[in-house]
Amino acid sequence: MDRLRAKAGMVISSLFLKVVLCTYLKFTSKLGKERAGEMSYMRGDLLTRMRKLVKGLARPTPVWLKAMEEAPPVTLPRSDGKIKNIEMPEDVYVKRFFKKYPDSLYHDAVRFNGFSPPPARVFAWRVLELKEQGVTEEEAMAVADMEYMTEKKAKKKAYSELKKISRLQGKKPPPNPYPSPIKEIQAEEKKYVKDRFFNPKILEIVKKMKAEKAAEMQERMANASGQPAAGNPPW
């Protein structure tokens, strides 16, 4: 009889401990969720919070609540944390222009010594302007393309005539006022290309790089064939 009572007591105590443990776990999980987020009465703006506190009898109705309900404050838009790309109406035609004339990608869109927009942007603005006048998209692009090519040819012709006049006068031709962006980049890189073949310091660096590359290739071939590399002992 005593054994049965002791066994029953152990069962009851174990059940009691399980109930207490489950209750504790539920309480801690609920507390963690409340701490992770915000209390319900702390969400929203000042007017929303005060309404919840007054409705829950957490505090008396303030004097200004009724006036604020009649004329609530302006709700300012909030950012969702994602920075959106700035898109302009002409960006579609700018991409099409670059696809047709890839050399124009090298035109500097921002020049600190001038205010001339790049050709792609001028082309896109012209297309939008023609479309506003009722012209179809295909015709507008064709007209803008024709104007771009005409202007480009006129610039080349004007510079060639200027060079002819300078040669007749025995003078050095002036620099091209409409230079090619690729030629401008090549002119900037010309100094470094020349240093690659004539500067002693650069030649020494190139020599070291070639030696390191040859040693690396030799070691790789030795590892592939299972033989020790030259200058390394087999052990």
C-alpha atoms as a PDB file:
ATOM      1  CA  MET A   1       0.000   0.000   0.000  1.00  0.00           C
ATOM      2  CA  ASP A   2       2.809   2.356   0.877  1.00  0.00           C
ATOM      3  CA  ARG A   3       4.491   1.539  -2.420  1.00  0.00           C
ATOM      4  CA  LEU A   4       1.340   2.406  -4.359  1.00  0.00           C
ATOM      5  CA  ARG A   5       1.009   5.713  -2.513  1.00  0.00           C
ATOM      6  CA  ALA A   6       4.653   6.539  -3.194  1.00  0.00           C
ATOM      7  CA  LYS A   7       4.271   5.647  -6.861  1.00  0.00           C
ATOM      8  CA  ALA A   8       1.105   7.723  -7.189  1.00  0.00           C
ATOM      9  CA  GLY A   9       2.848  10.650  -5.508  1.00  0.00           C
ATOM     10  CA  MET A  10       5.730  10.422  -7.958  1.00  0.00           C
ATOM     11  CA  VAL A  11       3.337  10.381 -10.921  1.00  0.00           C
ATOM     12  CA  ILE A  12       1.411  13.391  -9.590  1.00  0.00           C
ATOM     13  CA  SER A  13       4.597  15.339  -8.934  1.00  0.00           C
ATOM     14  CA  SER A  14       5.955  14.579 -12.405  1.00  0.00           C
ATOM     15  CA  LEU A  15       2.668  15.718 -13.986  1.00  0.00           C
ATOM     16  CA  PHE A  16       2.749  18.886 -11.890  1.00  0.00           C
ATOM     17  CA  LEU A  17       6.307  19.606 -13.015  1.00  0.00           C
ATOM     18  CA  LYS A  18       5.330  19.104 -16.676  1.00  0.00           C
ATOM     19  CA  VAL A  19       2.405  21.532 -16.314  1.00  0.00           C
ATOM     20  CA  VAL A  20       4.624  24.128 -14.651  1.00  0.00           C
ATOM     21  CA  LEU A  21       7.291  23.687 -17.334  1.00  0.00           C
ATOM     22  CA  CYS A  22       4.771  24.055 -20.195  1.00  0.00           C
ATOM     23  CA  THR A  23       3.275  27.163 -18.583  1.00  0.00           C
ATOM     24  CA  TYR A  24       6.744  28.681 -18.147  1.00  0.00           C
ATOM     25  CA  LEU A  25       7.683  27.974 -21.752  1.00  0.00           C
ATOM     26  CA  LYS A  26       4.466  29.531 -23.089  1.00  0.00           C
ATOM     27  CA  PHE A  27       4.999  32.610 -20.921  1.00  0.00           C
ATOM     28  CA  THR A  28       8.613  33.070 -22.025  1.00  0.00           C
ATOM     29  CA  SER A  29       7.730  32.641 -25.716  1.00  0.00           C
ATOM     30  CA  LYS A  30       4.961  35.228 -25.427  1.00  0.00           C
ATOM     31  CA  LEU A  31       7.261  37.610 -23.582  1.00  0.00           C
ATOM     32  CA  GLY A  32       9.941  37.140 -26.235  1.00  0.00           C
ATOM     33  CA  LYS A  33       7.491  37.950 -29.031  1.00  0.00           C
ATOM     34  CA  GLU A  34       6.368  41.110 -27.245  1.00  0.00           C
ATOM     35  CA  ARG A  35       9.957  42.186 -26.702  1.00  0.00           C
ATOM     36  CA  ALA A  36      10.955  41.384 -30.264  1.00  0.00           C
ATOM     37  CA  GLY A  37       8.226  43.595 -31.650  1.00  0.00           C
ATOM     38  CA  GLU A  38       6.381  46.445 -30.004  1.00  0.00           C
ATOM     39  CA  MET A  39       3.469  46.506 -27.619  1.00  0.00           C
ATOM     40  CA  SER A  40       0.170  46.985 -29.423  1.00  0.00           C
ATOM     41  CA  TYR A  41      -0.461  50.340 -27.781  1.00  0.00           C
ATOM     42  CA  MET A  42       2.991  51.569 -28.866  1.00  0.00           C
ATOM     43  CA  ARG A  43       2.302  51.150 -32.580  1.00  0.00           C
ATOM     44  CA  GLY A  44       1.195  53.988 -34.820  1.00  0.00           C
ATOM     45  CA  ASP A  45       1.413  57.742 -34.406  1.00  0.00           C
ATOM     46  CA  LEU A  46       0.643  59.828 -31.321  1.00  0.00           C
ATOM     47  CA  LEU A  47      -3.107  60.021 -32.022  1.00  0.00           C
ATOM     48  CA  THR A  48      -3.442  56.260 -32.501  1.00  0.00           C
ATOM     49  CA  ARG A  49      -1.478  55.502 -29.341  1.00  0.00           C
ATOM     50  CA  MET A  50      -3.515  57.896 -27.239  1.00  0.00           C
ATOM     51  CA  ARG A  51      -6.799  56.467 -28.538  1.00  0.00           C
ATOM     52  CA  LYS A  52      -5.728  52.966 -27.524  1.00  0.00           C
ATOM     53  CA  LEU A  53      -4.617  54.090 -24.060  1.00  0.00           C
ATOM     54  CA  VAL A  54      -7.876  55.969 -23.436  1.00  0.00           C
ATOM     55  CA  LYS A  55      -9.980  53.090 -24.775  1.00  0.00           C
ATOM     56  CA  GLY A  56      -8.169  50.621 -22.511  1.00  0.00           C
ATOM     57  CA  LEU A  57      -8.699  52.928 -19.485  1.00  0.00           C
ATOM     58  CA  ALA A  58      -4.927  53.166 -19.095  1.00  0.00           C
ATOM     59  CA  ARG A  59      -5.155  56.954 -18.685  1.00  0.00           C
ATOM     60  CA  PRO A  60      -7.804  59.695 -18.659  1.00  0.00           C
ATOM     61  CA  THR A  61      -8.843  61.462 -21.861  1.00  0.00           C
ATOM     62  CA  PRO A  62      -6.512  64.444 -22.462  1.00  0.00           C
ATOM     63  CA  VAL A  63      -7.928  67.858 -23.309  1.00  0.00           C
ATOM     64  CA  TRP A  64      -6.321  68.003 -26.745  1.00  0.00           C
ATOM     65  CA  LEU A  65      -7.519  64.577 -27.986  1.00  0.00           C
ATOM     66  CA  LYS A  66     -10.860  65.786 -29.375  1.00  0.00           C
ATOM     67  CA  ALA A  67      -9.243  68.727 -31.205  1.00  0.00           C
ATOM     68  CA  MET A  68      -6.603  66.429 -32.688  1.00  0.00           C
ATOM     69  CA  GLU A  69      -9.274  63.973 -33.848  1.00  0.00           C
ATOM     70  CA  GLU A  70     -11.082  66.783 -35.690  1.00  0.00           C
ATOM     71  CA  ALA A  71      -7.866  68.047 -37.300  1.00  0.00           C
ATOM     72  CA  PRO A  72      -5.357  65.159 -37.336  1.00  0.00           C
ATOM     73  CA  PRO A  73      -1.695  65.895 -38.119  1.00  0.00           C
ATOM     74  CA  VAL A  74      -0.371  65.428 -41.639  1.00  0.00           C
ATOM     75  CA  THR A  75       0.923  61.920 -42.310  1.00  0.00           C
ATOM     76  CA  LEU A  76       4.297  62.137 -44.003  1.00  0.00           C
ATOM     77  CA  PRO A  77       5.302  59.358 -46.413  1.00  0.00           C
ATOM     78  CA  ARG A  78       7.971  57.043 -45.074  1.00  0.00           C
ATOM     79  CA  SER A  79      10.688  55.279 -47.000  1.00  0.00           C
ATOM     80  CA  ASP A  80      10.540  51.495 -47.169  1.00  0.00           C
ATOM     81  CA  GLY A  81      14.330  51.320 -46.945  1.00  0.00           C
ATOM     82  CA  LYS A  82      14.859  50.458 -50.621  1.00  0.00           C
ATOM     83  CA  ILE A  83      16.644  52.962 -52.833  1.00  0.00           C
ATOM     84  CA  LYS A  84      14.979  53.035 -56.238  1.00  0.00           C
ATOM     85  CA  ASN A  85      16.882  53.694 -59.434  1.00  0.00           C
ATOM     86  CA  ILE A  86      16.299  57.106 -60.978  1.00  0.00           C
ATOM     87  CA  GLU A  87      14.665  56.553 -64.356  1.00  0.00           C
ATOM     88  CA  MET A  88      14.049  59.252 -66.939  1.00  0.00           C
ATOM     89  CA  PRO A  89      11.508  59.061 -69.800  1.00  0.00           C
ATOM     90  CA  GLU A  90      14.275  59.150 -72.385  1.00  0.00           C
ATOM     91  CA  ASP A  91      16.332  56.282 -70.904  1.00  0.00           C
ATOM     92  CA  VAL A  92      14.681  53.743 -73.242  1.00  0.00           C
ATOM     93  CA  TYR A  93      15.856  55.610 -76.338  1.00  0.00           C
ATOM     94  CA  VAL A  94      19.291  56.247 -74.824  1.00  0.00           C
ATOM     95  CA  LYS A  95      19.790  52.467 -74.522  1.00  0.00           C
ATOM     96  CA  ARG A  96      18.638  51.945 -78.105  1.00  0.00           C
ATOM     97  CA  PHE A  97      21.062  54.626 -79.292  1.00  0.00           C
ATOM     98  CA  PHE A  98      23.959  52.952 -77.461  1.00  0.00           C
ATOM     99  CA  LYS A  99      22.978  49.613 -78.980  1.00  0.00           C
ATOM    100  CA  LYS A 100      23.146  51.070 -82.493  1.00  0.00           C
ATOM    101  CA  TYR A 101      26.222  53.273 -81.882  1.00  0.00           C
ATOM    102  CA  PRO A 102      28.354  51.504 -79.218  1.00  0.00           C
ATOM    103  CA  ASP A 103      31.207  53.981 -79.736  1.00  0.00           C
ATOM    104  CA  SER A 104      29.036  56.649 -78.133  1.00  0.00           C
ATOM    105  CA  LEU A 105      29.353  54.816 -74.805  1.00  0.00           C
ATOM    106  CA  TYR A 106      32.753  56.464 -74.411  1.00  0.00           C
ATOM    107  CA  HIS A 107      31.346  59.971 -74.511  1.00  0.00           C
ATOM    108  CA  ASP A 108      31.672  61.584 -71.111  1.00  0.00           C
ATOM    109  CA  ALA A 109      28.170  62.453 -69.909  1.00  0.00           C
ATOM    110  CA  VAL A 110      29.471  64.947 -67.317  1.00  0.00           C
ATOM    111  CA  ARG A 111      32.095  67.418 -68.449  1.00  0.00           C
ATOM    112  CA  PHE A 112      33.171  70.022 -65.928  1.00  0.00           C
ATOM    113  CA  ASN A 113      34.421  72.359 -68.646  1.00  0.00           C
ATOM    114  CA  GLY A 114      31.196  72.440 -70.641  1.00  0.00           C
ATOM    115  CA  PHE A 115      27.446  72.010 -70.601  1.00  0.00           C
ATOM    116  CA  SER A 116      26.904  70.029 -73.809  1.00  0.00           C
ATOM    117  CA  PRO A 117      24.840  66.861 -73.256  1.00  0.00           C
ATOM    118  CA  PRO A 118      26.069  63.580 -74.779  1.00  0.00           C
ATOM    119  CA  PRO A 119      24.751  62.618 -78.243  1.00  0.00           C
ATOM    120  CA  ALA A 120      22.631  59.771 -76.845  1.00  0.00           C
ATOM    121  CA  ARG A 121      20.697  62.140 -74.605  1.00  0.00           C
ATOM    122  CA  VAL A 122      20.189  64.646 -77.439  1.00  0.00           C
ATOM    123  CA  PHE A 123      18.889  61.830 -79.641  1.00  0.00           C
ATOM    124  CA  ALA A 124      16.439  60.650 -76.955  1.00  0.00           C
ATOM    125  CA  TRP A 125      15.160  64.180 -76.267  1.00  0.00           C
ATOM    126  CA  ARG A 126      14.558  64.668 -79.994  1.00  0.00           C
ATOM    127  CA  VAL A 127      12.542  61.426 -80.170  1.00  0.00           C
ATOM    128  CA  LEU A 128      10.371  62.504 -77.237  1.00  0.00           C
ATOM    129  CA  GLU A 129       9.883  65.931 -78.791  1.00  0.00           C
ATOM    130  CA  LEU A 130       8.699  64.425 -82.085  1.00  0.00           C
ATOM    131  CA  LYS A 131       6.403  61.987 -80.298  1.00  0.00           C
ATOM    132  CA  GLU A 132       4.740  64.890 -78.457  1.00  0.00           C
ATOM    133  CA  GLN A 133       3.996  66.403 -81.876  1.00  0.00           C
ATOM    134  CA  GLY A 134       2.072  63.273 -82.901  1.00  0.00           C
ATOM    135  CA  VAL A 135       4.823  61.453 -84.816  1.00  0.00           C
ATOM    136  CA  THR A 136       5.018  57.675 -84.409  1.00  0.00           C
ATOM    137  CA  GLU A 137       7.893  56.139 -82.493  1.00  0.00           C
ATOM    138  CA  GLU A 138       9.564  54.543 -85.525  1.00  0.00           C
ATOM    139  CA  GLU A 139       9.384  57.731 -87.596  1.00  0.00           C
ATOM    140  CA  ALA A 140      10.623  59.826 -84.663  1.00  0.00           C
ATOM    141  CA  MET A 141      13.630  57.558 -84.176  1.00  0.00           C
ATOM    142  CA  ALA A 142      14.369  57.601 -87.909  1.00  0.00           C
ATOM    143  CA  VAL A 143      14.260  61.420 -88.021  1.00  0.00           C
ATOM    144  CA  ALA A 144      16.425  61.761 -84.911  1.00  0.00           C
ATOM    145  CA  ASP A 145      18.921  59.254 -86.318  1.00  0.00           C
ATOM    146  CA  MET A 146      19.093  61.101 -89.628  1.00  0.00           C
ATOM    147  CA  GLU A 147      19.677  64.430 -87.836  1.00  0.00           C
ATOM    148  CA  TYR A 148      22.435  62.861 -85.722  1.00  0.00           C
ATOM    149  CA  MET A 149      24.248  61.439 -88.751  1.00  0.00           C
ATOM    150  CA  THR A 150      23.870  64.723 -90.681  1.00  0.00           C
ATOM    151  CA  GLU A 151      25.344  66.716 -87.797  1.00  0.00           C
ATOM    152  CA  LYS A 152      28.193  64.224 -87.398  1.00  0.00           C
ATOM    153  CA  LYS A 153      29.099  64.418 -91.101  1.00  0.00           C
ATOM    154  CA  ALA A 154      28.884  68.236 -91.032  1.00  0.00           C
ATOM    155  CA  LYS A 155      31.332  68.376 -88.123  1.00  0.00           C
ATOM    156  CA  LYS A 156      33.820  66.121 -89.913  1.00  0.00           C
ATOM    157  CA  LYS A 157      33.543  68.166 -93.125  1.00  0.00           C
ATOM    158  CA  ALA A 158      34.033  71.447 -91.250  1.00  0.00           C
ATOM    159  CA  TYR A 159      37.191  70.167 -89.568  1.00  0.00           C
ATOM    160  CA  SER A 160      38.624  68.800 -92.828  1.00  0.00           C
ATOM    161  CA  GLU A 161      38.107  72.199 -94.498  1.00  0.00           C
ATOM    162  CA  LEU A 162      39.725  73.900 -91.500  1.00  0.00           C
ATOM    163  CA  LYS A 163      42.781  71.653 -91.886  1.00  0.00           C
ATOM    164  CA  LYS A 164      43.009  72.458 -95.599  1.00  0.00           C
ATOM    165  CA  ILE A 165      42.959  76.201 -94.885  1.00  0.00           C
ATOM    166  CA  SER A 166      45.670  75.807 -92.239  1.00  0.00           C
ATOM    167  CA  ARG A 167      47.894  73.851 -94.647  1.00  0.00           C
ATOM    168  CA  LEU A 168      47.457  76.465 -97.379  1.00  0.00           C
ATOM    169  CA  GLN A 169      48.502  79.148 -94.890  1.00  0.00           C
ATOM    170  CA  GLY A 170      51.480  77.047 -93.790  1.00  0.00           C
ATOM    171  CA  LYS A 171      50.206  76.730 -90.238  1.00  0.00           C
ATOM    172  CA  LYS A 172      49.779  73.737 -88.000  1.00  0.00           C
ATOM    173  CA  PRO A 173      46.163  72.507 -88.088  1.00  0.00           C
ATOM    174  CA  PRO A 174      44.259  73.236 -84.877  1.00  0.00           C
ATOM    175  CA  PRO A 175      43.086  70.394 -82.648  1.00  0.00           C
ATOM    176  CA  ASN A 176      39.844  68.729 -83.586  1.00  0.00           C
ATOM    177  CA  PRO A 177      36.970  70.573 -81.845  1.00  0.00           C
ATOM    178  CA  TYR A 178      34.874  67.395 -82.150  1.00  0.00           C
ATOM    179  CA  PRO A 179      37.332  64.648 -81.192  1.00  0.00           C
ATOM    180  CA  SER A 180      36.431  60.993 -81.089  1.00  0.00           C
ATOM    181  CA  PRO A 181      36.072  59.772 -77.499  1.00  0.00           C
ATOM    182  CA  ILE A 182      38.084  56.633 -78.314  1.00  0.00           C
ATOM    183  CA  LYS A 183      40.950  58.754 -79.671  1.00  0.00           C
ATOM    184  CA  GLU A 184      40.831  60.906 -76.531  1.00  0.00           C
ATOM    185  CA  ILE A 185      41.212  57.803 -74.363  1.00  0.00           C
ATOM    186  CA  GLN A 186      44.056  56.561 -76.563  1.00  0.00           C
ATOM    187  CA  ALA A 187      45.811  59.924 -76.228  1.00  0.00           C
ATOM    188  CA  GLU A 188      45.583  59.703 -72.434  1.00  0.00           C
ATOM    189  CA  GLU A 189      46.962  56.141 -72.452  1.00  0.00           C
ATOM    190  CA  LYS A 190      49.734  56.875 -74.965  1.00  0.00           C
ATOM    191  CA  LYS A 191      52.222  57.839 -72.243  1.00  0.00           C
ATOM    192  CA  TYR A 192      51.722  54.585 -70.325  1.00  0.00           C
ATOM    193  CA  VAL A 193      51.958  52.506 -73.513  1.00  0.00           C
ATOM    194  CA  LYS A 194      55.275  54.205 -74.334  1.00  0.00           C
ATOM    195  CA  ASP A 195      56.579  53.572 -70.798  1.00  0.00           C
ATOM    196  CA  ARG A 196      55.780  49.883 -71.199  1.00  0.00           C
ATOM    197  CA  PHE A 197      58.443  49.533 -73.935  1.00  0.00           C
ATOM    198  CA  PHE A 198      61.027  52.215 -73.045  1.00  0.00           C
ATOM    199  CA  ASN A 199      60.937  52.940 -69.281  1.00  0.00           C
ATOM    200  CA  PRO A 200      63.717  50.899 -67.538  1.00  0.00           C
ATOM    201  CA  LYS A 201      61.712  50.523 -64.292  1.00  0.00           C
ATOM    202  CA  ILE A 202      58.680  49.202 -66.134  1.00  0.00           C
ATOM    203  CA  LEU A 203      60.857  46.848 -68.177  1.00  0.00           C
ATOM    204  CA  GLU A 204      62.379  45.457 -64.972  1.00  0.00           C
ATOM    205  CA  ILE A 205      58.909  44.832 -63.529  1.00  0.00           C
ATOM    206  CA  VAL A 206      57.820  43.113 -66.753  1.00  0.00           C
ATOM    207  CA  LYS A 207      60.953  40.930 -66.666  1.00  0.00           C
ATOM    208  CA  LYS A 208      60.220  39.812 -63.087  1.00  0.00           C
ATOM    209  CA  MET A 209      56.590  39.088 -63.947  1.00  0.00           C
ATOM    210  CA  LYS A 210      57.648  36.948 -66.925  1.00  0.00           C
ATOM    211  CA  ALA A 211      60.117  35.004 -64.767  1.00  0.00           C
ATOM    212  CA  GLU A 212      57.483  34.381 -62.083  1.00  0.00           C
ATOM    213  CA  LYS A 213      54.973  33.253 -64.710  1.00  0.00           C
ATOM    214  CA  ALA A 214      57.517  30.887 -66.297  1.00  0.00           C
ATOM    215  CA  ALA A 215      58.383  29.384 -62.902  1.00  0.00           C
ATOM    216  CA  GLU A 216      54.721  28.931 -62.088  1.00  0.00           C
ATOM    217  CA  MET A 217      54.056  27.206 -65.430  1.00  0.00           C
ATOM    218  CA  GLN A 218      57.081  24.929 -64.928  1.00  0.00           C
ATOM    219  CA  GLU A 219      55.918  23.970 -61.445  1.00  0.00           C
ATOM    220  CA  ARG A 220      52.401  23.300 -62.698  1.00  0.00           C
ATOM    221  CA  MET A 221      53.675  21.033 -65.487  1.00  0.00           C
ATOM    222  CA  ALA A 222      55.911  19.182 -63.035  1.00  0.00           C
ATOM    223  CA  ASN A 223      53.003  18.580 -60.664  1.00  0.00           C
ATOM    224  CA  ALA A 224      50.873  17.329 -63.544  1.00  0.00           C
ATOM    225  CA  SER A 225      53.556  14.831 -64.663  1.00  0.00           C
ATOM    226  CA  GLY A 226      54.414  13.739 -61.102  1.00  0.00           C
ATOM    227  CA  GLN A 227      58.070  14.852 -61.369  1.00  0.00           C
ATOM    228  CA  PRO A 228      59.783  17.427 -59.113  1.00  0.00           C
ATOM    229  CA  ALA A 229      60.226  20.883 -60.537  1.00  0.00           C
ATOM    230  CA  ALA A 230      63.694  22.069 -61.628  1.00  0.00           C
ATOM    231  CA  GLY A 231      65.806  23.143 -58.672  1.00  0.00           C
ATOM    232  CA  ASN A 232      63.624  21.323 -56.111  1.00  0.00           C
ATOM    233  CA  PRO A 233      64.791  18.070 -54.419  1.00  0.00           C
ATOM    234  CA  PRO A 234      62.571  15.006 -54.919  1.00  0.00           C
ATOM    235  CA  TRP A 235      61.944  14.729 -51.179  1.00  0.00           C
END
